[in-house]
Amino acid sequence: MKLHTLKGWRIIQGLGLGTIAENIIHYHHEKWDGSGYPEGLKGEQIPIEARILALADVYDALRQKRVYKPGFSHEHACGVILEGAGKHFDPQLIALFRQLHPKFRDIYDARAD
């Protein structure tokens, strides 16, 4: 599982998608506190685009039903994300998420299966 960031990054290199796309694919599982993967980057070493996607990815993963878990409510997903401020997530992005979380719900609900 942890190799998907590196494999995906290697696949898209040279396709001309640009640095932003490459950074998102390569670094979206890095964590603010340095405990993520694949490089163990910390804080602002993680490209901002990867920090943004990480938050959106976790929100989506929490809301989605999986074979190993039910889909969580918006409120539960928000609670998990807010608890990750300064650990999993950039604290400044969490401050924005506090303001914008209803838009996450609206977007998710509009595209629900």
PDB file of N, CA and C in Angstrom:
ATOM      1  N   MET A   1       0.821  -1.197   0.000  1.00  0.00           N
ATOM      2  CA  MET A   1       0.000   0.000   0.000  1.00  0.00           C
ATOM      3  C   MET A   1       0.864   1.261   0.000  1.00  0.00           C
ATOM      4  N   LYS A   2       1.895   1.275   0.820  1.00  0.00           N
ATOM      5  CA  LYS A   2       2.714   2.484   0.922  1.00  0.00           C
ATOM      6  C   LYS A   2       3.499   2.784  -0.344  1.00  0.00           C
ATOM      7  N   LEU A   3       3.593   1.833  -1.244  1.00  0.00           N
ATOM      8  CA  LEU A   3       4.324   2.061  -2.487  1.00  0.00           C
ATOM      9  C   LEU A   3       3.487   2.771  -3.551  1.00  0.00           C
ATOM     10  N   HIS A   4       2.180   2.913  -3.344  1.00  0.00           N
ATOM     11  CA  HIS A   4       1.359   3.494  -4.408  1.00  0.00           C
ATOM     12  C   HIS A   4       1.742   4.931  -4.729  1.00  0.00           C
ATOM     13  N   THR A   5       2.242   5.670  -3.736  1.00  0.00           N
ATOM     14  CA  THR A   5       2.643   7.050  -4.021  1.00  0.00           C
ATOM     15  C   THR A   5       3.866   7.077  -4.939  1.00  0.00           C
ATOM     16  N   LEU A   6       4.818   6.217  -4.674  1.00  0.00           N
ATOM     17  CA  LEU A   6       6.021   6.175  -5.515  1.00  0.00           C
ATOM     18  C   LEU A   6       5.728   5.595  -6.886  1.00  0.00           C
ATOM     19  N   LYS A   7       4.946   4.521  -6.927  1.00  0.00           N
ATOM     20  CA  LYS A   7       4.612   3.912  -8.221  1.00  0.00           C
ATOM     21  C   LYS A   7       3.815   4.877  -9.095  1.00  0.00           C
ATOM     22  N   GLY A   8       2.832   5.530  -8.502  1.00  0.00           N
ATOM     23  CA  GLY A   8       2.041   6.504  -9.252  1.00  0.00           C
ATOM     24  C   GLY A   8       2.879   7.659  -9.756  1.00  0.00           C
ATOM     25  N   TRP A   9       3.769   8.153  -8.908  1.00  0.00           N
ATOM     26  CA  TRP A   9       4.655   9.256  -9.273  1.00  0.00           C
ATOM     27  C   TRP A   9       5.560   8.855 -10.431  1.00  0.00           C
ATOM     28  N   ARG A  10       6.106   7.648 -10.373  1.00  0.00           N
ATOM     29  CA  ARG A  10       6.982   7.177 -11.452  1.00  0.00           C
ATOM     30  C   ARG A  10       6.202   7.019 -12.769  1.00  0.00           C
ATOM     31  N   ILE A  11       4.978   6.565 -12.676  1.00  0.00           N
ATOM     32  CA  ILE A  11       4.160   6.370 -13.875  1.00  0.00           C
ATOM     33  C   ILE A  11       3.903   7.697 -14.585  1.00  0.00           C
ATOM     34  N   ILE A  12       3.620   8.752 -13.823  1.00  0.00           N
ATOM     35  CA  ILE A  12       3.243  10.005 -14.477  1.00  0.00           C
ATOM     36  C   ILE A  12       4.420  10.905 -14.837  1.00  0.00           C
ATOM     37  N   GLN A  13       5.598  10.610 -14.307  1.00  0.00           N
ATOM     38  CA  GLN A  13       6.761  11.419 -14.681  1.00  0.00           C
ATOM     39  C   GLN A  13       6.966  11.344 -16.184  1.00  0.00           C
ATOM     40  N   GLY A  14       7.254  12.465 -16.752  1.00  0.00           N
ATOM     41  CA  GLY A  14       7.487  12.510 -18.187  1.00  0.00           C
ATOM     42  C   GLY A  14       6.234  12.657 -19.018  1.00  0.00           C
ATOM     43  N   LEU A  15       5.067  12.680 -18.392  1.00  0.00           N
ATOM     44  CA  LEU A  15       3.826  12.841 -19.147  1.00  0.00           C
ATOM     45  C   LEU A  15       3.477  14.312 -19.375  1.00  0.00           C
ATOM     46  N   GLY A  16       4.262  15.189 -18.771  1.00  0.00           N
ATOM     47  CA  GLY A  16       4.015  16.616 -18.955  1.00  0.00           C
ATOM     48  C   GLY A  16       2.865  17.163 -18.128  1.00  0.00           C
ATOM     49  N   LEU A  17       2.512  16.486 -17.060  1.00  0.00           N
ATOM     50  CA  LEU A  17       1.411  16.960 -16.213  1.00  0.00           C
ATOM     51  C   LEU A  17       1.833  18.103 -15.301  1.00  0.00           C
ATOM     52  N   GLY A  18       3.121  18.258 -15.096  1.00  0.00           N
ATOM     53  CA  GLY A  18       3.628  19.367 -14.314  1.00  0.00           C
ATOM     54  C   GLY A  18       3.951  19.003 -12.880  1.00  0.00           C
ATOM     55  N   THR A  19       4.665  19.894 -12.249  1.00  0.00           N
ATOM     56  CA  THR A  19       5.150  19.687 -10.890  1.00  0.00           C
ATOM     57  C   THR A  19       4.020  19.547  -9.883  1.00  0.00           C
ATOM     58  N   ILE A  20       2.970  20.314 -10.030  1.00  0.00           N
ATOM     59  CA  ILE A  20       1.868  20.256  -9.065  1.00  0.00           C
ATOM     60  C   ILE A  20       1.248  18.866  -9.049  1.00  0.00           C
ATOM     61  N   ALA A  21       0.946  18.328 -10.209  1.00  0.00           N
ATOM     62  CA  ALA A  21       0.364  16.980 -10.279  1.00  0.00           C
ATOM     63  C   ALA A  21       1.333  15.950  -9.717  1.00  0.00           C
ATOM     64  N   GLU A  22       2.610  16.074 -10.063  1.00  0.00           N
ATOM     65  CA  GLU A  22       3.609  15.135  -9.554  1.00  0.00           C
ATOM     66  C   GLU A  22       3.713  15.224  -8.027  1.00  0.00           C
ATOM     67  N   ASN A  23       3.692  16.443  -7.480  1.00  0.00           N
ATOM     68  CA  ASN A  23       3.763  16.617  -6.025  1.00  0.00           C
ATOM     69  C   ASN A  23       2.552  16.015  -5.315  1.00  0.00           C
ATOM     70  N   ILE A  24       1.384  16.203  -5.887  1.00  0.00           N
ATOM     71  CA  ILE A  24       0.168  15.649  -5.278  1.00  0.00           C
ATOM     72  C   ILE A  24       0.271  14.131  -5.194  1.00  0.00           C
ATOM     73  N   ILE A  25       0.646  13.511  -6.287  1.00  0.00           N
ATOM     74  CA  ILE A  25       0.721  12.050  -6.322  1.00  0.00           C
ATOM     75  C   ILE A  25       1.819  11.536  -5.397  1.00  0.00           C
ATOM     76  N   HIS A  26       2.959  12.184  -5.406  1.00  0.00           N
ATOM     77  CA  HIS A  26       4.107  11.716  -4.640  1.00  0.00           C
ATOM     78  C   HIS A  26       3.951  11.938  -3.135  1.00  0.00           C
ATOM     79  N   TYR A  27       3.393  13.067  -2.720  1.00  0.00           N
ATOM     80  CA  TYR A  27       3.468  13.478  -1.317  1.00  0.00           C
ATOM     81  C   TYR A  27       2.143  13.524  -0.553  1.00  0.00           C
ATOM     82  N   HIS A  28       1.047  13.057  -1.121  1.00  0.00           N
ATOM     83  CA  HIS A  28      -0.246  13.240  -0.450  1.00  0.00           C
ATOM     84  C   HIS A  28      -0.430  12.398   0.815  1.00  0.00           C
ATOM     85  N   HIS A  29       0.505  11.504   1.133  1.00  0.00           N
ATOM     86  CA  HIS A  29       0.425  10.757   2.395  1.00  0.00           C
ATOM     87  C   HIS A  29       1.483  11.192   3.406  1.00  0.00           C
ATOM     88  N   GLU A  30       2.144  12.305   3.132  1.00  0.00           N
ATOM     89  CA  GLU A  30       3.024  12.900   4.136  1.00  0.00           C
ATOM     90  C   GLU A  30       2.135  13.535   5.202  1.00  0.00           C
ATOM     91  N   LYS A  31       2.643  13.618   6.420  1.00  0.00           N
ATOM     92  CA  LYS A  31       1.878  14.204   7.524  1.00  0.00           C
ATOM     93  C   LYS A  31       2.638  15.381   8.122  1.00  0.00           C
ATOM     94  N   TRP A  32       1.909  16.349   8.596  1.00  0.00           N
ATOM     95  CA  TRP A  32       2.472  17.575   9.132  1.00  0.00           C
ATOM     96  C   TRP A  32       3.558  17.304  10.180  1.00  0.00           C
ATOM     97  N   ASP A  33       3.368  16.272  10.994  1.00  0.00           N
ATOM     98  CA  ASP A  33       4.324  15.971  12.071  1.00  0.00           C
ATOM     99  C   ASP A  33       5.509  15.125  11.612  1.00  0.00           C
ATOM    100  N   GLY A  34       5.567  14.792  10.320  1.00  0.00           N
ATOM    101  CA  GLY A  34       6.682  14.025   9.785  1.00  0.00           C
ATOM    102  C   GLY A  34       6.507  12.520   9.826  1.00  0.00           C
ATOM    103  N   SER A  35       5.364  12.036  10.283  1.00  0.00           N
ATOM    104  CA  SER A  35       5.157  10.597  10.430  1.00  0.00           C
ATOM    105  C   SER A  35       4.583   9.916   9.182  1.00  0.00           C
ATOM    106  N   GLY A  36       4.428  10.671   8.097  1.00  0.00           N
ATOM    107  CA  GLY A  36       3.847  10.097   6.888  1.00  0.00           C
ATOM    108  C   GLY A  36       4.875   9.431   5.993  1.00  0.00           C
ATOM    109  N   TYR A  37       4.459   9.150   4.777  1.00  0.00           N
ATOM    110  CA  TYR A  37       5.313   8.486   3.798  1.00  0.00           C
ATOM    111  C   TYR A  37       5.070   9.081   2.427  1.00  0.00           C
ATOM    112  N   PRO A  38       5.957   8.955   1.478  1.00  0.00           N
ATOM    113  CA  PRO A  38       7.096   8.045   1.393  1.00  0.00           C
ATOM    114  C   PRO A  38       8.417   8.643   1.897  1.00  0.00           C
ATOM    115  N   GLU A  39       8.492   9.958   2.054  1.00  0.00           N
ATOM    116  CA  GLU A  39       9.769  10.596   2.381  1.00  0.00           C
ATOM    117  C   GLU A  39       9.895  11.032   3.835  1.00  0.00           C
ATOM    118  N   GLY A  40       8.811  11.003   4.599  1.00  0.00           N
ATOM    119  CA  GLY A  40       8.853  11.472   5.979  1.00  0.00           C
ATOM    120  C   GLY A  40       9.016  12.984   6.075  1.00  0.00           C
ATOM    121  N   LEU A  41       8.482  13.710   5.079  1.00  0.00           N
ATOM    122  CA  LEU A  41       8.558  15.167   5.109  1.00  0.00           C
ATOM    123  C   LEU A  41       7.728  15.708   6.265  1.00  0.00           C
ATOM    124  N   LYS A  42       8.074  16.908   6.718  1.00  0.00           N
ATOM    125  CA  LYS A  42       7.420  17.510   7.878  1.00  0.00           C
ATOM    126  C   LYS A  42       7.052  18.955   7.577  1.00  0.00           C
ATOM    127  N   GLY A  43       5.891  19.371   8.069  1.00  0.00           N
ATOM    128  CA  GLY A  43       5.490  20.773   7.978  1.00  0.00           C
ATOM    129  C   GLY A  43       5.523  21.307   6.568  1.00  0.00           C
ATOM    130  N   GLU A  44       6.125  22.482   6.438  1.00  0.00           N
ATOM    131  CA  GLU A  44       6.146  23.162   5.151  1.00  0.00           C
ATOM    132  C   GLU A  44       7.099  22.527   4.139  1.00  0.00           C
ATOM    133  N   GLN A  45       7.802  21.474   4.525  1.00  0.00           N
ATOM    134  CA  GLN A  45       8.569  20.704   3.527  1.00  0.00           C
ATOM    135  C   GLN A  45       7.603  20.020   2.557  1.00  0.00           C
ATOM    136  N   ILE A  46       6.390  19.754   3.012  1.00  0.00           N
ATOM    137  CA  ILE A  46       5.374  19.096   2.179  1.00  0.00           C
ATOM    138  C   ILE A  46       4.780  20.162   1.256  1.00  0.00           C
ATOM    139  N   PRO A  47       4.785  19.937  -0.046  1.00  0.00           N
ATOM    140  CA  PRO A  47       4.194  20.926  -0.955  1.00  0.00           C
ATOM    141  C   PRO A  47       2.737  21.206  -0.585  1.00  0.00           C
ATOM    142  N   ILE A  48       2.349  22.475  -0.669  1.00  0.00           N
ATOM    143  CA  ILE A  48       1.003  22.890  -0.261  1.00  0.00           C
ATOM    144  C   ILE A  48      -0.075  22.107  -1.005  1.00  0.00           C
ATOM    145  N   GLU A  49       0.144  21.812  -2.282  1.00  0.00           N
ATOM    146  CA  GLU A  49      -0.879  21.091  -3.038  1.00  0.00           C
ATOM    147  C   GLU A  49      -1.092  19.685  -2.477  1.00  0.00           C
ATOM    148  N   ALA A  50      -0.039  19.065  -1.979  1.00  0.00           N
ATOM    149  CA  ALA A  50      -0.167  17.736  -1.369  1.00  0.00           C
ATOM    150  C   ALA A  50      -0.854  17.834  -0.008  1.00  0.00           C
ATOM    151  N   ARG A  51      -0.586  18.916   0.732  1.00  0.00           N
ATOM    152  CA  ARG A  51      -1.258  19.111   2.027  1.00  0.00           C
ATOM    153  C   ARG A  51      -2.757  19.303   1.834  1.00  0.00           C
ATOM    154  N   ILE A  52      -3.126  20.029   0.794  1.00  0.00           N
ATOM    155  CA  ILE A  52      -4.549  20.252   0.512  1.00  0.00           C
ATOM    156  C   ILE A  52      -5.217  18.939   0.123  1.00  0.00           C
ATOM    157  N   LEU A  53      -4.598  18.203  -0.795  1.00  0.00           N
ATOM    158  CA  LEU A  53      -5.197  16.941  -1.231  1.00  0.00           C
ATOM    159  C   LEU A  53      -5.289  15.947  -0.086  1.00  0.00           C
ATOM    160  N   ALA A  54      -4.297  15.936   0.791  1.00  0.00           N
ATOM    161  CA  ALA A  54      -4.328  15.008   1.924  1.00  0.00           C
ATOM    162  C   ALA A  54      -5.595  15.205   2.748  1.00  0.00           C
ATOM    163  N   LEU A  55      -5.953  16.450   2.992  1.00  0.00           N
ATOM    164  CA  LEU A  55      -7.157  16.728   3.771  1.00  0.00           C
ATOM    165  C   LEU A  55      -8.413  16.259   3.023  1.00  0.00           C
ATOM    166  N   ALA A  56      -8.492  16.587   1.739  1.00  0.00           N
ATOM    167  CA  ALA A  56      -9.644  16.160   0.941  1.00  0.00           C
ATOM    168  C   ALA A  56      -9.719  14.643   0.827  1.00  0.00           C
ATOM    169  N   ASP A  57      -8.573  13.998   0.675  1.00  0.00           N
ATOM    170  CA  ASP A  57      -8.514  12.540   0.551  1.00  0.00           C
ATOM    171  C   ASP A  57      -9.001  11.862   1.827  1.00  0.00           C
ATOM    172  N   VAL A  58      -8.573  12.369   2.965  1.00  0.00           N
ATOM    173  CA  VAL A  58      -9.009  11.782   4.238  1.00  0.00           C
ATOM    174  C   VAL A  58     -10.507  12.006   4.428  1.00  0.00           C
ATOM    175  N   TYR A  59     -10.993  13.193   4.111  1.00  0.00           N
ATOM    176  CA  TYR A  59     -12.437  13.443   4.231  1.00  0.00           C
ATOM    177  C   TYR A  59     -13.214  12.433   3.392  1.00  0.00           C
ATOM    178  N   ASP A  60     -12.814  12.268   2.148  1.00  0.00           N
ATOM    179  CA  ASP A  60     -13.505  11.332   1.263  1.00  0.00           C
ATOM    180  C   ASP A  60     -13.414   9.905   1.783  1.00  0.00           C
ATOM    181  N   ALA A  61     -12.231   9.490   2.228  1.00  0.00           N
ATOM    182  CA  ALA A  61     -12.053   8.120   2.732  1.00  0.00           C
ATOM    183  C   ALA A  61     -12.918   7.862   3.967  1.00  0.00           C
ATOM    184  N   LEU A  62     -13.042   8.864   4.826  1.00  0.00           N
ATOM    185  CA  LEU A  62     -13.876   8.696   6.019  1.00  0.00           C
ATOM    186  C   LEU A  62     -15.353   8.595   5.657  1.00  0.00           C
ATOM    187  N   ARG A  63     -15.790   9.365   4.702  1.00  0.00           N
ATOM    188  CA  ARG A  63     -17.208   9.362   4.327  1.00  0.00           C
ATOM    189  C   ARG A  63     -17.601   8.118   3.538  1.00  0.00           C
ATOM    190  N   GLN A  64     -16.671   7.551   2.777  1.00  0.00           N
ATOM    191  CA  GLN A  64     -16.964   6.394   1.938  1.00  0.00           C
ATOM    192  C   GLN A  64     -17.154   5.123   2.767  1.00  0.00           C
ATOM    193  N   LYS A  65     -18.140   4.343   2.373  1.00  0.00           N
ATOM    194  CA  LYS A  65     -18.301   3.001   2.931  1.00  0.00           C
ATOM    195  C   LYS A  65     -17.212   2.114   2.335  1.00  0.00           C
ATOM    196  N   ARG A  66     -16.608   1.306   3.167  1.00  0.00           N
ATOM    197  CA  ARG A  66     -15.606   0.346   2.724  1.00  0.00           C
ATOM    198  C   ARG A  66     -16.018  -1.038   3.219  1.00  0.00           C
ATOM    199  N   VAL A  67     -15.401  -2.076   2.708  1.00  0.00           N
ATOM    200  CA  VAL A  67     -15.752  -3.419   3.170  1.00  0.00           C
ATOM    201  C   VAL A  67     -15.404  -3.595   4.646  1.00  0.00           C
ATOM    202  N   TYR A  68     -14.469  -2.821   5.140  1.00  0.00           N
ATOM    203  CA  TYR A  68     -14.013  -2.947   6.519  1.00  0.00           C
ATOM    204  C   TYR A  68     -14.597  -1.899   7.467  1.00  0.00           C
ATOM    205  N   LYS A  69     -15.440  -0.975   6.933  1.00  0.00           N
ATOM    206  CA  LYS A  69     -16.036   0.045   7.794  1.00  0.00           C
ATOM    207  C   LYS A  69     -17.241   0.670   7.106  1.00  0.00           C
ATOM    208  N   PRO A  70     -18.156   1.208   7.906  1.00  0.00           N
ATOM    209  CA  PRO A  70     -19.266   1.969   7.305  1.00  0.00           C
ATOM    210  C   PRO A  70     -18.776   3.357   6.910  1.00  0.00           C
ATOM    211  N   GLY A  71     -19.530   4.027   6.072  1.00  0.00           N
ATOM    212  CA  GLY A  71     -19.240   5.432   5.790  1.00  0.00           C
ATOM    213  C   GLY A  71     -19.603   6.262   7.008  1.00  0.00           C
ATOM    214  N   PHE A  72     -18.764   7.228   7.332  1.00  0.00           N
ATOM    215  CA  PHE A  72     -19.017   8.074   8.494  1.00  0.00           C
ATOM    216  C   PHE A  72     -19.819   9.304   8.094  1.00  0.00           C
ATOM    217  N   SER A  73     -20.508   9.863   9.057  1.00  0.00           N
ATOM    218  CA  SER A  73     -21.247  11.101   8.831  1.00  0.00           C
ATOM    219  C   SER A  73     -20.271  12.254   8.613  1.00  0.00           C
ATOM    220  N   HIS A  74     -20.795  13.335   8.074  1.00  0.00           N
ATOM    221  CA  HIS A  74     -19.984  14.533   7.898  1.00  0.00           C
ATOM    222  C   HIS A  74     -19.436  14.992   9.247  1.00  0.00           C
ATOM    223  N   GLU A  75     -20.263  14.988  10.256  1.00  0.00           N
ATOM    224  CA  GLU A  75     -19.842  15.452  11.575  1.00  0.00           C
ATOM    225  C   GLU A  75     -18.701  14.602  12.140  1.00  0.00           C
ATOM    226  N   HIS A  76     -18.823  13.287  11.991  1.00  0.00           N
ATOM    227  CA  HIS A  76     -17.772  12.395  12.481  1.00  0.00           C
ATOM    228  C   HIS A  76     -16.471  12.614  11.707  1.00  0.00           C
ATOM    229  N   ALA A  77     -16.576  12.720  10.389  1.00  0.00           N
ATOM    230  CA  ALA A  77     -15.389  12.961   9.563  1.00  0.00           C
ATOM    231  C   ALA A  77     -14.721  14.275   9.951  1.00  0.00           C
ATOM    232  N   CYS A  78     -15.517  15.297  10.180  1.00  0.00           N
ATOM    233  CA  CYS A  78     -14.955  16.588  10.594  1.00  0.00           C
ATOM    234  C   CYS A  78     -14.240  16.469  11.929  1.00  0.00           C
ATOM    235  N   GLY A  79     -14.819  15.745  12.856  1.00  0.00           N
ATOM    236  CA  GLY A  79     -14.176  15.552  14.152  1.00  0.00           C
ATOM    237  C   GLY A  79     -12.818  14.892  14.026  1.00  0.00           C
ATOM    238  N   VAL A  80     -12.730  13.856  13.201  1.00  0.00           N
ATOM    239  CA  VAL A  80     -11.454  13.162  12.995  1.00  0.00           C
ATOM    240  C   VAL A  80     -10.433  14.117  12.384  1.00  0.00           C
ATOM    241  N   ILE A  81     -10.850  14.867  11.388  1.00  0.00           N
ATOM    242  CA  ILE A  81      -9.939  15.793  10.719  1.00  0.00           C
ATOM    243  C   ILE A  81      -9.479  16.886  11.675  1.00  0.00           C
ATOM    244  N   LEU A  82     -10.398  17.464  12.417  1.00  0.00           N
ATOM    245  CA  LEU A  82     -10.020  18.536  13.347  1.00  0.00           C
ATOM    246  C   LEU A  82      -9.054  18.044  14.418  1.00  0.00           C
ATOM    247  N   GLU A  83      -9.210  16.799  14.843  1.00  0.00           N
ATOM    248  CA  GLU A  83      -8.267  16.217  15.813  1.00  0.00           C
ATOM    249  C   GLU A  83      -6.873  16.066  15.230  1.00  0.00           C
ATOM    250  N   GLY A  84      -6.766  16.044  13.904  1.00  0.00           N
ATOM    251  CA  GLY A  84      -5.476  15.873  13.249  1.00  0.00           C
ATOM    252  C   GLY A  84      -4.693  17.153  13.030  1.00  0.00           C
ATOM    253  N   ALA A  85      -5.205  18.284  13.498  1.00  0.00           N
ATOM    254  CA  ALA A  85      -4.499  19.560  13.332  1.00  0.00           C
ATOM    255  C   ALA A  85      -3.134  19.491  14.008  1.00  0.00           C
ATOM    256  N   GLY A  86      -2.102  19.847  13.259  1.00  0.00           N
ATOM    257  CA  GLY A  86      -0.755  19.860  13.791  1.00  0.00           C
ATOM    258  C   GLY A  86      -0.094  18.497  13.870  1.00  0.00           C
ATOM    259  N   LYS A  87      -0.860  17.455  13.616  1.00  0.00           N
ATOM    260  CA  LYS A  87      -0.309  16.098  13.587  1.00  0.00           C
ATOM    261  C   LYS A  87      -0.346  15.603  12.145  1.00  0.00           C
ATOM    262  N   HIS A  88      -1.534  15.270  11.687  1.00  0.00           N
ATOM    263  CA  HIS A  88      -1.702  14.811  10.307  1.00  0.00           C
ATOM    264  C   HIS A  88      -1.730  16.009   9.345  1.00  0.00           C
ATOM    265  N   PHE A  89      -2.395  17.072   9.753  1.00  0.00           N
ATOM    266  CA  PHE A  89      -2.698  18.174   8.840  1.00  0.00           C
ATOM    267  C   PHE A  89      -2.071  19.497   9.245  1.00  0.00           C
ATOM    268  N   ASP A  90      -1.832  20.312   8.235  1.00  0.00           N
ATOM    269  CA  ASP A  90      -1.349  21.681   8.378  1.00  0.00           C
ATOM    270  C   ASP A  90      -2.372  22.470   9.218  1.00  0.00           C
ATOM    271  N   PRO A  91      -1.963  23.063  10.336  1.00  0.00           N
ATOM    272  CA  PRO A  91      -2.907  23.805  11.179  1.00  0.00           C
ATOM    273  C   PRO A  91      -3.611  24.952  10.451  1.00  0.00           C
ATOM    274  N   GLN A  92      -2.928  25.596   9.506  1.00  0.00           N
ATOM    275  CA  GLN A  92      -3.575  26.679   8.759  1.00  0.00           C
ATOM    276  C   GLN A  92      -4.674  26.142   7.846  1.00  0.00           C
ATOM    277  N   LEU A  93      -4.448  24.975   7.276  1.00  0.00           N
ATOM    278  CA  LEU A  93      -5.501  24.371   6.451  1.00  0.00           C
ATOM    279  C   LEU A  93      -6.683  23.939   7.317  1.00  0.00           C
ATOM    280  N   ILE A  94      -6.399  23.494   8.521  1.00  0.00           N
ATOM    281  CA  ILE A  94      -7.487  23.117   9.432  1.00  0.00           C
ATOM    282  C   ILE A  94      -8.313  24.343   9.797  1.00  0.00           C
ATOM    283  N   ALA A  95      -7.671  25.485   9.985  1.00  0.00           N
ATOM    284  CA  ALA A  95      -8.414  26.717  10.267  1.00  0.00           C
ATOM    285  C   ALA A  95      -9.355  27.044   9.108  1.00  0.00           C
ATOM    286  N   LEU A  96      -8.900  26.857   7.889  1.00  0.00           N
ATOM    287  CA  LEU A  96      -9.764  27.069   6.726  1.00  0.00           C
ATOM    288  C   LEU A  96     -10.865  26.012   6.657  1.00  0.00           C
ATOM    289  N   PHE A  97     -10.506  24.769   6.961  1.00  0.00           N
ATOM    290  CA  PHE A  97     -11.499  23.690   6.957  1.00  0.00           C
ATOM    291  C   PHE A  97     -12.625  23.989   7.950  1.00  0.00           C
ATOM    292  N   ARG A  98     -12.289  24.540   9.112  1.00  0.00           N
ATOM    293  CA  ARG A  98     -13.321  24.895  10.096  1.00  0.00           C
ATOM    294  C   ARG A  98     -14.365  25.822   9.484  1.00  0.00           C
ATOM    295  N   GLN A  99     -13.930  26.707   8.620  1.00  0.00           N
ATOM    296  CA  GLN A  99     -14.840  27.658   7.976  1.00  0.00           C
ATOM    297  C   GLN A  99     -15.579  27.038   6.795  1.00  0.00           C
ATOM    298  N   LEU A 100     -14.904  26.165   6.066  1.00  0.00           N
ATOM    299  CA  LEU A 100     -15.413  25.685   4.785  1.00  0.00           C
ATOM    300  C   LEU A 100     -16.001  24.279   4.805  1.00  0.00           C
ATOM    301  N   HIS A 101     -16.004  23.626   5.963  1.00  0.00           N
ATOM    302  CA  HIS A 101     -16.456  22.228   5.989  1.00  0.00           C
ATOM    303  C   HIS A 101     -17.856  22.019   5.421  1.00  0.00           C
ATOM    304  N   PRO A 102     -18.797  22.978   5.542  1.00  0.00           N
ATOM    305  CA  PRO A 102     -20.106  22.723   4.909  1.00  0.00           C
ATOM    306  C   PRO A 102     -20.007  22.530   3.388  1.00  0.00           C
ATOM    307  N   LYS A 103     -19.039  23.176   2.754  1.00  0.00           N
ATOM    308  CA  LYS A 103     -18.856  22.990   1.310  1.00  0.00           C
ATOM    309  C   LYS A 103     -18.372  21.575   1.003  1.00  0.00           C
ATOM    310  N   PHE A 104     -17.533  21.005   1.880  1.00  0.00           N
ATOM    311  CA  PHE A 104     -17.107  19.614   1.710  1.00  0.00           C
ATOM    312  C   PHE A 104     -18.338  18.708   1.729  1.00  0.00           C
ATOM    313  N   ARG A 105     -19.218  18.923   2.705  1.00  0.00           N
ATOM    314  CA  ARG A 105     -20.440  18.113   2.803  1.00  0.00           C
ATOM    315  C   ARG A 105     -21.290  18.257   1.559  1.00  0.00           C
ATOM    316  N   ASP A 106     -21.478  19.496   1.123  1.00  0.00           N
ATOM    317  CA  ASP A 106     -22.332  19.741  -0.048  1.00  0.00           C
ATOM    318  C   ASP A 106     -21.772  19.067  -1.293  1.00  0.00           C
ATOM    319  N   ILE A 107     -20.482  19.170  -1.505  1.00  0.00           N
ATOM    320  CA  ILE A 107     -19.850  18.551  -2.674  1.00  0.00           C
ATOM    321  C   ILE A 107     -19.961  17.039  -2.579  1.00  0.00           C
ATOM    322  N   TYR A 108     -19.649  16.492  -1.401  1.00  0.00           N
ATOM    323  CA  TYR A 108     -19.723  15.035  -1.220  1.00  0.00           C
ATOM    324  C   TYR A 108     -21.159  14.549  -1.462  1.00  0.00           C
ATOM    325  N   ASP A 109     -22.126  15.205  -0.837  1.00  0.00           N
ATOM    326  CA  ASP A 109     -23.518  14.766  -0.945  1.00  0.00           C
ATOM    327  C   ASP A 109     -24.038  14.889  -2.386  1.00  0.00           C
ATOM    328  N   ALA A 110     -23.585  15.879  -3.113  1.00  0.00           N
ATOM    329  CA  ALA A 110     -24.039  16.066  -4.494  1.00  0.00           C
ATOM    330  C   ALA A 110     -23.514  14.967  -5.412  1.00  0.00           C
ATOM    331  N   ARG A 111     -22.447  14.294  -5.000  1.00  0.00           N
ATOM    332  CA  ARG A 111     -21.853  13.249  -5.837  1.00  0.00           C
ATOM    333  C   ARG A 111     -21.987  11.866  -5.238  1.00  0.00           C
ATOM    334  N   ALA A 112     -22.791  11.750  -4.187  1.00  0.00           N
ATOM    335  CA  ALA A 112     -22.967  10.459  -3.529  1.00  0.00           C
ATOM    336  C   ALA A 112     -23.654   9.467  -4.468  1.00  0.00           C
ATOM    337  N   ASP A 113     -23.246   8.214  -4.345  1.00  0.00           N
ATOM    338  CA  ASP A 113     -23.835   7.161  -5.191  1.00  0.00           C
ATOM    339  C   ASP A 113     -25.287   6.920  -4.841  1.00  0.00           C
TER     340      ASP A 113
END
